[in-house]
C-alpha atoms as a PDB file:
ATOM      1  CA  MET A   1      -0.016   0.030  -0.041  1.00  0.00           C
ATOM      2  CA  LYS A   2       1.273   3.419  -1.181  1.00  0.00           C
ATOM      3  CA  THR A   3       1.672   5.965   1.566  1.00  0.00           C
ATOM      4  CA  ILE A   4       1.725   9.854   1.086  1.00  0.00           C
ATOM      5  CA  ARG A   5       5.275  11.170   1.622  1.00  0.00           C
ATOM      6  CA  ASP A   6       5.902  13.935   4.302  1.00  0.00           C
ATOM      7  CA  ASN A   7       6.644  16.449   1.754  1.00  0.00           C
ATOM      8  CA  SER A   8       3.581  16.105  -0.131  1.00  0.00           C
ATOM      9  CA  GLN A   9       1.128  18.991   0.099  1.00  0.00           C
ATOM     10  CA  ILE A  10      -2.661  18.562  -0.194  1.00  0.00           C
ATOM     11  CA  MET A  11      -4.439  21.032  -2.057  1.00  0.00           C
ATOM     12  CA  THR A  12      -7.966  22.302  -2.350  1.00  0.00           C
ATOM     13  CA  VAL A  13      -9.897  22.874  -5.645  1.00  0.00           C
ATOM     14  CA  GLU A  14      -9.212  26.605  -5.017  1.00  0.00           C
ATOM     15  CA  GLU A  15      -5.387  26.011  -4.395  1.00  0.00           C
ATOM     16  CA  VAL A  16      -5.254  23.971  -7.609  1.00  0.00           C
ATOM     17  CA  ALA A  17      -7.192  26.303  -9.741  1.00  0.00           C
ATOM     18  CA  GLU A  18      -4.959  29.356  -8.728  1.00  0.00           C
ATOM     19  CA  PHE A  19      -1.562  27.253  -8.793  1.00  0.00           C
ATOM     20  CA  LEU A  20      -2.747  26.017 -12.380  1.00  0.00           C
ATOM     21  CA  LYS A  21      -4.191  29.641 -13.440  1.00  0.00           C
ATOM     22  CA  LEU A  22      -7.793  27.906 -14.153  1.00  0.00           C
ATOM     23  CA  SER A  23     -10.995  28.316 -12.950  1.00  0.00           C
ATOM     24  CA  LYS A  24     -12.713  26.172 -10.392  1.00  0.00           C
ATOM     25  CA  ILE A  25     -15.158  24.963 -12.942  1.00  0.00           C
ATOM     26  CA  THR A  26     -12.060  23.824 -15.132  1.00  0.00           C
ATOM     27  CA  ILE A  27     -10.548  21.719 -12.335  1.00  0.00           C
ATOM     28  CA  TYR A  28     -14.082  20.100 -11.669  1.00  0.00           C
ATOM     29  CA  LYS A  29     -14.235  19.466 -15.646  1.00  0.00           C
ATOM     30  CA  LEU A  30     -10.795  17.953 -15.296  1.00  0.00           C
ATOM     31  CA  VAL A  31     -11.445  15.561 -12.770  1.00  0.00           C
ATOM     32  CA  LYS A  32     -14.383  14.374 -14.110  1.00  0.00           C
ATOM     33  CA  LYS A  33     -12.603  13.478 -17.345  1.00  0.00           C
ATOM     34  CA  GLY A  34     -10.092  11.701 -15.285  1.00  0.00           C
ATOM     35  CA  GLN A  35      -7.234  14.070 -16.349  1.00  0.00           C
ATOM     36  CA  LEU A  36      -6.300  15.346 -13.027  1.00  0.00           C
ATOM     37  CA  PRO A  37      -6.032  12.868 -10.037  1.00  0.00           C
ATOM     38  CA  GLY A  38      -7.890  13.711  -6.845  1.00  0.00           C
ATOM     39  CA  PHE A  39      -9.951  12.235  -3.735  1.00  0.00           C
ATOM     40  CA  ARG A  40     -12.962  13.233  -1.863  1.00  0.00           C
ATOM     41  CA  VAL A  41     -12.882  14.260   1.821  1.00  0.00           C
ATOM     42  CA  GLY A  42     -16.804  14.183   2.633  1.00  0.00           C
ATOM     43  CA  ASN A  43     -18.252  16.544  -0.096  1.00  0.00           C
ATOM     44  CA  SER A  44     -14.591  18.351  -0.889  1.00  0.00           C
ATOM     45  CA  TRP A  45     -12.103  17.409  -3.483  1.00  0.00           C
ATOM     46  CA  ARG A  46      -8.326  17.257  -2.562  1.00  0.00           C
ATOM     47  CA  PHE A  47      -5.242  16.985  -4.561  1.00  0.00           C
ATOM     48  CA  ARG A  48      -1.615  16.120  -3.808  1.00  0.00           C
ATOM     49  CA  LYS A  49       0.571  18.661  -5.030  1.00  0.00           C
ATOM     50  CA  ASP A  50       3.447  16.419  -6.065  1.00  0.00           C
ATOM     51  CA  ARG A  51       0.886  14.642  -8.299  1.00  0.00           C
ATOM     52  CA  ILE A  52      -0.140  17.661 -10.116  1.00  0.00           C
ATOM     53  CA  LEU A  53       3.720  18.658 -10.427  1.00  0.00           C
ATOM     54  CA  GLU A  54       3.988  15.242 -12.367  1.00  0.00           C
ATOM     55  CA  ILE A  55       1.211  15.883 -14.701  1.00  0.00           C
ATOM     56  CA  ILE A  56       2.601  19.375 -15.544  1.00  0.00           C
ATOM     57  CA  SER A  57       6.108  17.656 -16.271  1.00  0.00           C
ATOM     58  CA  LYS A  58       4.859  14.995 -18.270  1.00  0.00           C
ATOM     59  CA  LYS A  59       2.583  17.522 -20.416  1.00  0.00           C
ATOM     60  CA  MET A  60       5.530  19.865 -20.920  1.00  0.00           C
ATOM     61  CA  VAL A  61       6.631  20.401 -24.558  1.00  0.00           C
ATOM     62  CA  GLY A  62      10.513  21.005 -25.423  1.00  0.00           C
ATOM     63  CA  THR A  63      11.551  19.764 -22.118  1.00  0.00           C
ATOM     64  CA  ASP A  64      15.089  20.481 -20.884  1.00  0.00           C
ATOM     65  CA  GLU A  65      16.644  17.281 -22.757  1.00  0.00           C
ATOM     66  CA  ASN A  66      15.589  18.413 -25.887  1.00  0.00           C
ATOM     67  CA  TYR A  67      16.190  21.974 -25.698  1.00  0.00           C
ATOM     68  CA  GLU A  68      19.463  22.901 -27.849  1.00  0.00           C
ATOM     69  CA  GLU A  69      21.236  26.477 -27.114  1.00  0.00           C
ATOM     70  CA  LYS A  70      21.849  28.236 -30.207  1.00  0.00           C
END
């Protein structure tokens, strides 16, 4: 069974929306589509910041390893 690492931060919908510069509605839509991993605590959604950062790094185009300085 996986455990949450001590350094991971739990974020609310509002915090994720602010972090990603998106609306709360967009966050809910991404969760519904399965594109943003989260979990429910009662009626509220929560997200692990390390998982959000992981998704961002996988979606990035032109990563450092592909970058050539000219």
